[in-house]
Amino acid sequence: MKIKTFKDEDTKISNWNLAGQKEFYALHDLMFPGHGRASIFLIISSLFRKPNNREQKTPDEVEEDLQYWLRFIVSNSKRALQQCMLSNVTVVLTHYDKINQSSQNLQLTVDSIQRLRDKFQGFVEFYPTVFTVDARSSASVSKIAHHFQKTSKTVLQRVPRVYELCNDLMQILSDWRLENHNKPAIKWKEFGDLCQVKAPLLRVRSRLDNKEKVETKRRAVAACLHHIGVVIYFDELGFLILDCEWFCGEVLGQLLRLDVKKQTSTGDGFISRKSWKKF
């Protein structure tokens, strides 16, 4: 999983490239920002089979590709009560220039995408136009770029604003990472100490202060940072993962490389408690 972050004035955009390695698919839900936030999904599917891109996919294959990602997007979400809380989805088909545009196969593919749009209505906001792109053509790519810019502005106008305090915490955590570059995660106690020193609004000011109330505020801010994709945080974890790409590549990568065949003596699952603790 590759994550790139861009900043444009007071707007921050994180670009998460989720595709590529199917063994990671089962773990995507763990890292991805919460549903109902300012998220736009570009589902990019080739009309030809990999790796040689010579054989054209059947309409069923294209539908299966798209349906996997649509299910992923809605897997941990309920039907939104307000339209503004739905995730935006745009479908992009590549290698369109290599097919006969009057072929029956293409029309069947269009029909299958329409079925998916109907099936997922109420769970995602499906952009009505399916983009076809030739990556060699700047004019072809610019149509998607323009759509992305326009959709981003619309989404940002409609979703709830992020706490200003979160912006402060982003900078505080970024500074902490610079000073502790070998630590991709921070313990909850360390995070609390950091808030106490660097964030006045998350500080316990005296013995008379309600510590539980301050702790609740800290957890709310940590959860917000998780939902906007800055950190990975769960109440019971005891950590904030500050380097999401490290966690996906190193930690989950090790988990996926475990030799399950050697764990055959374990009766309940694929790894013993002792080995799991060591991991």
C-alpha atoms as a PDB file:
ATOM      1  CA  MET A   1       0.000   0.000   0.000  1.00  0.00           C
ATOM      2  CA  LYS A   2       1.419   3.362  -1.052  1.00  0.00           C
ATOM      3  CA  ILE A   3       0.351   6.578   0.656  1.00  0.00           C
ATOM      4  CA  LYS A   4       1.192  10.048  -0.631  1.00  0.00           C
ATOM      5  CA  THR A   5       0.064  13.241   1.060  1.00  0.00           C
ATOM      6  CA  PHE A   6      -0.508  16.572  -0.673  1.00  0.00           C
ATOM      7  CA  LYS A   7      -1.340  19.951   0.794  1.00  0.00           C
ATOM      8  CA  ASP A   8      -3.179  22.772  -0.943  1.00  0.00           C
ATOM      9  CA  GLU A   9      -3.580  25.821   1.292  1.00  0.00           C
ATOM     10  CA  ASP A  10      -5.762  24.590   4.175  1.00  0.00           C
ATOM     11  CA  THR A  11      -6.705  21.300   2.510  1.00  0.00           C
ATOM     12  CA  LYS A  12      -4.800  18.053   2.989  1.00  0.00           C
ATOM     13  CA  ILE A  13      -5.280  15.138   0.575  1.00  0.00           C
ATOM     14  CA  SER A  14      -3.971  11.622   1.224  1.00  0.00           C
ATOM     15  CA  ASN A  15      -3.661   9.407  -1.847  1.00  0.00           C
ATOM     16  CA  TRP A  16      -3.923   5.717  -0.865  1.00  0.00           C
ATOM     17  CA  ASN A  17      -2.979   3.232  -3.600  1.00  0.00           C
ATOM     18  CA  LEU A  18      -4.664   0.030  -2.419  1.00  0.00           C
ATOM     19  CA  ALA A  19      -4.358  -2.210  -5.441  1.00  0.00           C
ATOM     20  CA  GLY A  20      -1.597  -4.520  -6.574  1.00  0.00           C
ATOM     21  CA  GLN A  21      -1.018  -7.284  -4.024  1.00  0.00           C
ATOM     22  CA  LYS A  22      -4.074  -9.468  -3.479  1.00  0.00           C
ATOM     23  CA  GLU A  23      -2.659 -11.032  -0.305  1.00  0.00           C
ATOM     24  CA  PHE A  24      -3.134  -7.647   1.388  1.00  0.00           C
ATOM     25  CA  TYR A  25      -6.802  -7.343   0.440  1.00  0.00           C
ATOM     26  CA  ALA A  26      -8.135  -9.072   3.564  1.00  0.00           C
ATOM     27  CA  LEU A  27      -6.315  -6.533   5.753  1.00  0.00           C
ATOM     28  CA  HIS A  28      -7.367  -3.332   3.975  1.00  0.00           C
ATOM     29  CA  ASP A  29     -10.342  -2.703   6.242  1.00  0.00           C
ATOM     30  CA  LEU A  30      -8.045  -2.485   9.272  1.00  0.00           C
ATOM     31  CA  MET A  31      -6.181   0.558   8.031  1.00  0.00           C
ATOM     32  CA  PHE A  32      -8.630   2.460   5.957  1.00  0.00           C
ATOM     33  CA  PRO A  33     -10.171   5.703   7.248  1.00  0.00           C
ATOM     34  CA  GLY A  34     -13.705   5.462   8.621  1.00  0.00           C
ATOM     35  CA  HIS A  35     -16.805   5.526   6.474  1.00  0.00           C
ATOM     36  CA  GLY A  36     -18.692   8.781   6.108  1.00  0.00           C
ATOM     37  CA  ARG A  37     -15.609  10.955   5.874  1.00  0.00           C
ATOM     38  CA  ALA A  38     -14.307  13.023   3.001  1.00  0.00           C
ATOM     39  CA  SER A  39     -13.276  10.129   0.762  1.00  0.00           C
ATOM     40  CA  ILE A  40     -13.241   9.677  -3.000  1.00  0.00           C
ATOM     41  CA  PHE A  41     -12.531   6.291  -4.557  1.00  0.00           C
ATOM     42  CA  LEU A  42     -11.169   5.871  -8.076  1.00  0.00           C
ATOM     43  CA  ILE A  43     -11.671   2.237  -9.100  1.00  0.00           C
ATOM     44  CA  ILE A  44      -9.329   1.694 -12.042  1.00  0.00           C
ATOM     45  CA  SER A  45      -9.838  -1.513 -14.006  1.00  0.00           C
ATOM     46  CA  SER A  46      -8.185  -2.673 -17.196  1.00  0.00           C
ATOM     47  CA  LEU A  47     -10.373  -4.069 -19.973  1.00  0.00           C
ATOM     48  CA  PHE A  48      -7.620  -6.616 -20.661  1.00  0.00           C
ATOM     49  CA  ARG A  49      -6.177  -9.473 -18.625  1.00  0.00           C
ATOM     50  CA  LYS A  50      -2.839  -9.033 -16.930  1.00  0.00           C
ATOM     51  CA  PRO A  51       0.107  -9.422 -17.214  1.00  0.00           C
ATOM     52  CA  ASN A  52       0.376  -9.205 -21.009  1.00  0.00           C
ATOM     53  CA  ASN A  53      -2.792  -7.134 -21.686  1.00  0.00           C
ATOM     54  CA  ARG A  54      -3.505  -9.100 -24.867  1.00  0.00           C
ATOM     55  CA  GLU A  55      -6.713 -10.969 -24.034  1.00  0.00           C
ATOM     56  CA  GLN A  56      -9.821  -8.895 -23.459  1.00  0.00           C
ATOM     57  CA  LYS A  57     -11.701  -9.482 -20.201  1.00  0.00           C
ATOM     58  CA  THR A  58     -15.252 -10.747 -20.344  1.00  0.00           C
ATOM     59  CA  PRO A  59     -17.988  -8.448 -18.965  1.00  0.00           C
ATOM     60  CA  ASP A  60     -18.279 -10.825 -15.986  1.00  0.00           C
ATOM     61  CA  GLU A  61     -14.577 -10.405 -15.178  1.00  0.00           C
ATOM     62  CA  VAL A  62     -14.838  -6.606 -15.261  1.00  0.00           C
ATOM     63  CA  GLU A  63     -17.936  -6.785 -13.050  1.00  0.00           C
ATOM     64  CA  GLU A  64     -16.144  -9.059 -10.575  1.00  0.00           C
ATOM     65  CA  ASP A  65     -13.199  -6.625 -10.350  1.00  0.00           C
ATOM     66  CA  LEU A  66     -15.442  -3.658  -9.661  1.00  0.00           C
ATOM     67  CA  GLN A  67     -17.711  -5.552  -7.280  1.00  0.00           C
ATOM     68  CA  TYR A  68     -14.773  -6.540  -5.044  1.00  0.00           C
ATOM     69  CA  TRP A  69     -13.821  -2.904  -4.463  1.00  0.00           C
ATOM     70  CA  LEU A  70     -17.401  -1.732  -4.059  1.00  0.00           C
ATOM     71  CA  ARG A  71     -17.957  -4.384  -1.394  1.00  0.00           C
ATOM     72  CA  PHE A  72     -14.726  -3.304   0.278  1.00  0.00           C
ATOM     73  CA  ILE A  73     -15.856   0.331   0.389  1.00  0.00           C
ATOM     74  CA  VAL A  74     -19.177  -0.488   2.033  1.00  0.00           C
ATOM     75  CA  SER A  75     -18.089  -3.522   4.084  1.00  0.00           C
ATOM     76  CA  ASN A  76     -17.951  -1.709   7.428  1.00  0.00           C
ATOM     77  CA  SER A  77     -20.627   0.855   6.788  1.00  0.00           C
ATOM     78  CA  LYS A  78     -24.369   1.141   7.168  1.00  0.00           C
ATOM     79  CA  ARG A  79     -26.715   2.699   4.668  1.00  0.00           C
ATOM     80  CA  ALA A  80     -26.157   6.424   5.091  1.00  0.00           C
ATOM     81  CA  LEU A  81     -29.030   8.482   6.461  1.00  0.00           C
ATOM     82  CA  GLN A  82     -27.781  11.572   4.656  1.00  0.00           C
ATOM     83  CA  GLN A  83     -26.542  11.653   1.096  1.00  0.00           C
ATOM     84  CA  CYS A  84     -23.600  13.846   2.148  1.00  0.00           C
ATOM     85  CA  MET A  85     -22.145  10.954   4.178  1.00  0.00           C
ATOM     86  CA  LEU A  86     -21.777   8.565   1.244  1.00  0.00           C
ATOM     87  CA  SER A  87     -18.339   7.787  -0.190  1.00  0.00           C
ATOM     88  CA  ASN A  88     -17.864   9.024  -3.749  1.00  0.00           C
ATOM     89  CA  VAL A  89     -16.973   6.357  -6.317  1.00  0.00           C
ATOM     90  CA  THR A  90     -15.736   6.906  -9.863  1.00  0.00           C
ATOM     91  CA  VAL A  91     -14.987   4.027 -12.252  1.00  0.00           C
ATOM     92  CA  VAL A  92     -12.122   4.322 -14.734  1.00  0.00           C
ATOM     93  CA  LEU A  93     -11.547   1.750 -17.505  1.00  0.00           C
ATOM     94  CA  THR A  94      -8.112   1.545 -19.123  1.00  0.00           C
ATOM     95  CA  HIS A  95      -6.950   0.159 -22.503  1.00  0.00           C
ATOM     96  CA  TYR A  96     -10.200   1.384 -24.047  1.00  0.00           C
ATOM     97  CA  ASP A  97      -8.269   2.376 -27.171  1.00  0.00           C
ATOM     98  CA  LYS A  98      -7.433  -1.298 -27.884  1.00  0.00           C
ATOM     99  CA  ILE A  99     -11.003  -2.550 -28.298  1.00  0.00           C
ATOM    100  CA  ASN A 100     -13.650  -2.312 -30.997  1.00  0.00           C
ATOM    101  CA  GLN A 101     -15.928   0.384 -29.621  1.00  0.00           C
ATOM    102  CA  SER A 102     -18.978  -1.021 -31.419  1.00  0.00           C
ATOM    103  CA  SER A 103     -18.474  -4.546 -30.061  1.00  0.00           C
ATOM    104  CA  GLN A 104     -21.228  -6.367 -28.182  1.00  0.00           C
ATOM    105  CA  ASN A 105     -18.738  -7.113 -25.385  1.00  0.00           C
ATOM    106  CA  LEU A 106     -18.349  -3.423 -24.618  1.00  0.00           C
ATOM    107  CA  GLN A 107     -22.114  -2.893 -24.408  1.00  0.00           C
ATOM    108  CA  LEU A 108     -22.442  -5.904 -22.077  1.00  0.00           C
ATOM    109  CA  THR A 109     -19.700  -4.393 -19.887  1.00  0.00           C
ATOM    110  CA  VAL A 110     -21.588  -1.090 -19.747  1.00  0.00           C
ATOM    111  CA  ASP A 111     -24.767  -2.979 -18.780  1.00  0.00           C
ATOM    112  CA  SER A 112     -22.944  -4.866 -15.996  1.00  0.00           C
ATOM    113  CA  ILE A 113     -21.626  -1.580 -14.542  1.00  0.00           C
ATOM    114  CA  GLN A 114     -25.172  -0.201 -14.555  1.00  0.00           C
ATOM    115  CA  ARG A 115     -26.325  -3.270 -12.588  1.00  0.00           C
ATOM    116  CA  LEU A 116     -23.626  -2.602 -10.007  1.00  0.00           C
ATOM    117  CA  ARG A 117     -24.695   1.047  -9.795  1.00  0.00           C
ATOM    118  CA  ASP A 118     -28.261  -0.080  -9.034  1.00  0.00           C
ATOM    119  CA  LYS A 119     -27.084  -2.727  -6.568  1.00  0.00           C
ATOM    120  CA  PHE A 120     -24.972  -0.335  -4.500  1.00  0.00           C
ATOM    121  CA  GLN A 121     -27.363   2.613  -4.662  1.00  0.00           C
ATOM    122  CA  GLY A 122     -27.769   4.086  -1.181  1.00  0.00           C
ATOM    123  CA  PHE A 123     -24.373   2.787  -0.048  1.00  0.00           C
ATOM    124  CA  VAL A 124     -22.053   4.830  -2.262  1.00  0.00           C
ATOM    125  CA  GLU A 125     -22.449   7.909  -4.429  1.00  0.00           C
ATOM    126  CA  PHE A 126     -21.712   6.444  -7.839  1.00  0.00           C
ATOM    127  CA  TYR A 127     -20.602   9.027 -10.415  1.00  0.00           C
ATOM    128  CA  PRO A 128     -22.872   8.463 -13.459  1.00  0.00           C
ATOM    129  CA  THR A 129     -20.074   8.718 -16.052  1.00  0.00           C
ATOM    130  CA  VAL A 130     -17.621   5.833 -16.475  1.00  0.00           C
ATOM    131  CA  PHE A 131     -14.296   7.284 -17.605  1.00  0.00           C
ATOM    132  CA  THR A 132     -12.197   5.588 -20.259  1.00  0.00           C
ATOM    133  CA  VAL A 133      -8.568   6.577 -20.324  1.00  0.00           C
ATOM    134  CA  ASP A 134      -5.508   6.242 -22.503  1.00  0.00           C
ATOM    135  CA  ALA A 135      -2.613   7.016 -20.152  1.00  0.00           C
ATOM    136  CA  ARG A 136      -0.476   8.105 -23.101  1.00  0.00           C
ATOM    137  CA  SER A 137      -2.852  10.971 -23.831  1.00  0.00           C
ATOM    138  CA  SER A 138      -2.643  14.017 -21.567  1.00  0.00           C
ATOM    139  CA  ALA A 139      -6.085  15.144 -22.821  1.00  0.00           C
ATOM    140  CA  SER A 140      -7.551  11.795 -21.784  1.00  0.00           C
ATOM    141  CA  VAL A 141      -5.998  11.952 -18.317  1.00  0.00           C
ATOM    142  CA  SER A 142      -6.875  15.626 -17.798  1.00  0.00           C
ATOM    143  CA  LYS A 143     -10.611  14.788 -17.883  1.00  0.00           C
ATOM    144  CA  ILE A 144     -10.176  12.629 -14.773  1.00  0.00           C
ATOM    145  CA  ALA A 145      -7.977  15.232 -13.083  1.00  0.00           C
ATOM    146  CA  HIS A 146     -10.636  17.896 -13.665  1.00  0.00           C
ATOM    147  CA  HIS A 147     -13.354  15.586 -12.325  1.00  0.00           C
ATOM    148  CA  PHE A 148     -11.251  14.810  -9.238  1.00  0.00           C
ATOM    149  CA  GLN A 149     -10.684  18.528  -8.501  1.00  0.00           C
ATOM    150  CA  LYS A 150     -14.374  19.346  -8.918  1.00  0.00           C
ATOM    151  CA  THR A 151     -15.516  16.384  -6.780  1.00  0.00           C
ATOM    152  CA  SER A 152     -12.987  17.201  -4.053  1.00  0.00           C
ATOM    153  CA  LYS A 153     -14.363  20.725  -3.699  1.00  0.00           C
ATOM    154  CA  THR A 154     -17.944  19.427  -3.561  1.00  0.00           C
ATOM    155  CA  VAL A 155     -17.120  16.799  -0.940  1.00  0.00           C
ATOM    156  CA  LEU A 156     -15.217  19.248   1.269  1.00  0.00           C
ATOM    157  CA  GLN A 157     -18.185  21.617   1.240  1.00  0.00           C
ATOM    158  CA  ARG A 158     -20.584  18.900   2.376  1.00  0.00           C
ATOM    159  CA  VAL A 159     -18.765  16.922   5.054  1.00  0.00           C
ATOM    160  CA  PRO A 160     -18.357  17.972   8.708  1.00  0.00           C
ATOM    161  CA  ARG A 161     -15.329  20.142   9.422  1.00  0.00           C
ATOM    162  CA  VAL A 162     -12.321  18.606  11.132  1.00  0.00           C
ATOM    163  CA  TYR A 163     -11.534  19.857  14.639  1.00  0.00           C
ATOM    164  CA  GLU A 164      -8.942  22.646  14.514  1.00  0.00           C
ATOM    165  CA  LEU A 165      -7.288  20.778  17.357  1.00  0.00           C
ATOM    166  CA  CYS A 166      -6.590  17.889  14.956  1.00  0.00           C
ATOM    167  CA  ASN A 167      -4.537  20.201  12.759  1.00  0.00           C
ATOM    168  CA  ASP A 168      -2.496  21.206  15.820  1.00  0.00           C
ATOM    169  CA  LEU A 169      -1.987  17.550  16.750  1.00  0.00           C
ATOM    170  CA  MET A 170      -0.851  16.679  13.218  1.00  0.00           C
ATOM    171  CA  GLN A 171       1.974  19.178  13.517  1.00  0.00           C
ATOM    172  CA  ILE A 172       2.821  18.072  17.076  1.00  0.00           C
ATOM    173  CA  LEU A 173       2.995  14.410  15.994  1.00  0.00           C
ATOM    174  CA  SER A 174       5.018  15.355  12.907  1.00  0.00           C
ATOM    175  CA  ASP A 175       7.557  17.175  15.108  1.00  0.00           C
ATOM    176  CA  TRP A 176       7.665  14.192  17.473  1.00  0.00           C
ATOM    177  CA  ARG A 177       8.430  11.899  14.510  1.00  0.00           C
ATOM    178  CA  LEU A 178      11.322  14.125  13.450  1.00  0.00           C
ATOM    179  CA  GLU A 179      12.802  13.834  16.938  1.00  0.00           C
ATOM    180  CA  ASN A 180      12.025  10.100  17.134  1.00  0.00           C
ATOM    181  CA  HIS A 181      12.518   9.042  13.525  1.00  0.00           C
ATOM    182  CA  ASN A 182      13.107   5.406  14.525  1.00  0.00           C
ATOM    183  CA  LYS A 183       9.681   5.143  16.204  1.00  0.00           C
ATOM    184  CA  PRO A 184       6.814   4.613  13.738  1.00  0.00           C
ATOM    185  CA  ALA A 185       4.324   4.253  16.621  1.00  0.00           C
ATOM    186  CA  ILE A 186       3.709   6.054  19.902  1.00  0.00           C
ATOM    187  CA  LYS A 187       2.362   4.462  23.100  1.00  0.00           C
ATOM    188  CA  TRP A 188      -0.864   5.892  24.470  1.00  0.00           C
ATOM    189  CA  LYS A 189       0.903   7.081  27.629  1.00  0.00           C
ATOM    190  CA  GLU A 190       3.530   8.889  25.531  1.00  0.00           C
ATOM    191  CA  PHE A 191       0.731  10.472  23.495  1.00  0.00           C
ATOM    192  CA  GLY A 192      -0.891  11.638  26.735  1.00  0.00           C
ATOM    193  CA  ASP A 193       2.408  13.117  27.934  1.00  0.00           C
ATOM    194  CA  LEU A 194       2.809  14.889  24.580  1.00  0.00           C
ATOM    195  CA  CYS A 195      -0.703  16.357  24.863  1.00  0.00           C
ATOM    196  CA  GLN A 196       0.078  17.489  28.404  1.00  0.00           C
ATOM    197  CA  VAL A 197       3.151  19.423  27.280  1.00  0.00           C
ATOM    198  CA  LYS A 198       2.268  20.571  23.747  1.00  0.00           C
ATOM    199  CA  ALA A 199      -1.542  20.819  23.512  1.00  0.00           C
ATOM    200  CA  PRO A 200      -3.092  23.221  26.082  1.00  0.00           C
ATOM    201  CA  LEU A 201      -6.674  22.147  25.247  1.00  0.00           C
ATOM    202  CA  LEU A 202      -5.794  18.512  26.004  1.00  0.00           C
ATOM    203  CA  ARG A 203      -3.924  19.275  29.217  1.00  0.00           C
ATOM    204  CA  VAL A 204      -4.826  18.317  32.791  1.00  0.00           C
ATOM    205  CA  ARG A 205      -4.339  21.705  34.416  1.00  0.00           C
ATOM    206  CA  SER A 206      -4.620  20.807  38.086  1.00  0.00           C
ATOM    207  CA  ARG A 207      -5.580  18.063  40.506  1.00  0.00           C
ATOM    208  CA  LEU A 208      -9.122  19.439  40.463  1.00  0.00           C
ATOM    209  CA  ASP A 209      -9.478  18.893  36.734  1.00  0.00           C
ATOM    210  CA  ASN A 210     -11.675  16.016  35.561  1.00  0.00           C
ATOM    211  CA  LYS A 211      -9.017  13.633  34.212  1.00  0.00           C
ATOM    212  CA  GLU A 212     -11.600  11.336  32.625  1.00  0.00           C
ATOM    213  CA  LYS A 213     -13.039  14.244  30.630  1.00  0.00           C
ATOM    214  CA  VAL A 214      -9.576  15.183  29.343  1.00  0.00           C
ATOM    215  CA  GLU A 215      -8.887  11.529  28.478  1.00  0.00           C
ATOM    216  CA  THR A 216     -12.173  11.370  26.549  1.00  0.00           C
ATOM    217  CA  LYS A 217     -11.145  14.465  24.560  1.00  0.00           C
ATOM    218  CA  ARG A 218      -7.781  12.892  23.753  1.00  0.00           C
ATOM    219  CA  ARG A 219      -9.451   9.718  22.523  1.00  0.00           C
ATOM    220  CA  ALA A 220     -11.917  11.723  20.410  1.00  0.00           C
ATOM    221  CA  VAL A 221      -9.050  13.581  18.733  1.00  0.00           C
ATOM    222  CA  ALA A 222      -7.107  10.331  18.172  1.00  0.00           C
ATOM    223  CA  ALA A 223     -10.221   8.747  16.608  1.00  0.00           C
ATOM    224  CA  CYS A 224     -10.658  11.784  14.352  1.00  0.00           C
ATOM    225  CA  LEU A 225      -7.026  11.522  13.214  1.00  0.00           C
ATOM    226  CA  HIS A 226      -7.690   7.846  12.428  1.00  0.00           C
ATOM    227  CA  HIS A 227     -10.811   8.681  10.394  1.00  0.00           C
ATOM    228  CA  ILE A 228      -8.995  11.243   8.261  1.00  0.00           C
ATOM    229  CA  GLY A 229      -6.152   8.799   7.578  1.00  0.00           C
ATOM    230  CA  VAL A 230      -3.365  10.456   9.589  1.00  0.00           C
ATOM    231  CA  VAL A 231      -2.839   7.638  12.109  1.00  0.00           C
ATOM    232  CA  ILE A 232      -4.128   4.130  12.823  1.00  0.00           C
ATOM    233  CA  TYR A 233      -5.801   4.076  16.225  1.00  0.00           C
ATOM    234  CA  PHE A 234      -8.049   1.694  18.156  1.00  0.00           C
ATOM    235  CA  ASP A 235      -9.058   2.128  21.809  1.00  0.00           C
ATOM    236  CA  GLU A 236      -7.813  -1.284  22.885  1.00  0.00           C
ATOM    237  CA  LEU A 237      -4.532  -1.155  20.961  1.00  0.00           C
ATOM    238  CA  GLY A 238      -2.595   1.077  23.378  1.00  0.00           C
ATOM    239  CA  PHE A 239      -0.703   2.671  20.472  1.00  0.00           C
ATOM    240  CA  LEU A 240      -1.103   5.230  17.737  1.00  0.00           C
ATOM    241  CA  ILE A 241       0.479   4.005  14.502  1.00  0.00           C
ATOM    242  CA  LEU A 242       2.032   7.150  13.021  1.00  0.00           C
ATOM    243  CA  ASP A 243       3.580   5.606   9.910  1.00  0.00           C
ATOM    244  CA  CYS A 244       0.700   3.849   8.127  1.00  0.00           C
ATOM    245  CA  GLU A 245       2.849   2.740   5.190  1.00  0.00           C
ATOM    246  CA  TRP A 246       5.392   1.136   7.556  1.00  0.00           C
ATOM    247  CA  PHE A 247       2.605  -0.721   9.374  1.00  0.00           C
ATOM    248  CA  CYS A 248       1.110  -2.021   6.120  1.00  0.00           C
ATOM    249  CA  GLY A 249       4.431  -3.034   4.585  1.00  0.00           C
ATOM    250  CA  GLU A 250       6.481  -4.248   7.530  1.00  0.00           C
ATOM    251  CA  VAL A 251       4.076  -5.450  10.216  1.00  0.00           C
ATOM    252  CA  LEU A 252       1.263  -6.825   8.087  1.00  0.00           C
ATOM    253  CA  GLY A 253       3.813  -8.021   5.530  1.00  0.00           C
ATOM    254  CA  GLN A 254       5.442 -10.189   8.206  1.00  0.00           C
ATOM    255  CA  LEU A 255       2.046 -11.515   9.230  1.00  0.00           C
ATOM    256  CA  LEU A 256       1.293 -12.530   5.650  1.00  0.00           C
ATOM    257  CA  ARG A 257       4.678 -14.252   5.318  1.00  0.00           C
ATOM    258  CA  LEU A 258       4.121 -16.539   8.306  1.00  0.00           C
ATOM    259  CA  ASP A 259       4.649 -20.170   7.339  1.00  0.00           C
ATOM    260  CA  VAL A 260       1.242 -21.553   8.240  1.00  0.00           C
ATOM    261  CA  LYS A 261       2.243 -25.131   7.344  1.00  0.00           C
ATOM    262  CA  LYS A 262       4.671 -25.224  10.287  1.00  0.00           C
ATOM    263  CA  GLN A 263       1.839 -24.367  12.673  1.00  0.00           C
ATOM    264  CA  THR A 264      -0.092 -27.624  12.093  1.00  0.00           C
ATOM    265  CA  SER A 265       0.224 -28.599  15.758  1.00  0.00           C
ATOM    266  CA  THR A 266      -1.896 -25.615  16.748  1.00  0.00           C
ATOM    267  CA  GLY A 267      -5.477 -26.693  17.254  1.00  0.00           C
ATOM    268  CA  ASP A 268      -7.202 -23.325  17.311  1.00  0.00           C
ATOM    269  CA  GLY A 269      -6.004 -21.238  14.413  1.00  0.00           C
ATOM    270  CA  PHE A 270      -2.845 -20.866  12.373  1.00  0.00           C
ATOM    271  CA  ILE A 271      -0.379 -19.596  14.999  1.00  0.00           C
ATOM    272  CA  SER A 272       0.320 -20.373  18.645  1.00  0.00           C
ATOM    273  CA  ARG A 273      -0.214 -17.744  21.338  1.00  0.00           C
ATOM    274  CA  LYS A 274       3.519 -17.837  22.146  1.00  0.00           C
ATOM    275  CA  SER A 275       4.507 -17.174  18.517  1.00  0.00           C
ATOM    276  CA  TRP A 276       1.881 -14.455  18.209  1.00  0.00           C
ATOM    277  CA  LYS A 277       3.185 -12.673  21.294  1.00  0.00           C
ATOM    278  CA  LYS A 278       6.720 -12.832  19.902  1.00  0.00           C
ATOM    279  CA  PHE A 279       5.503 -11.473  16.557  1.00  0.00           C
END
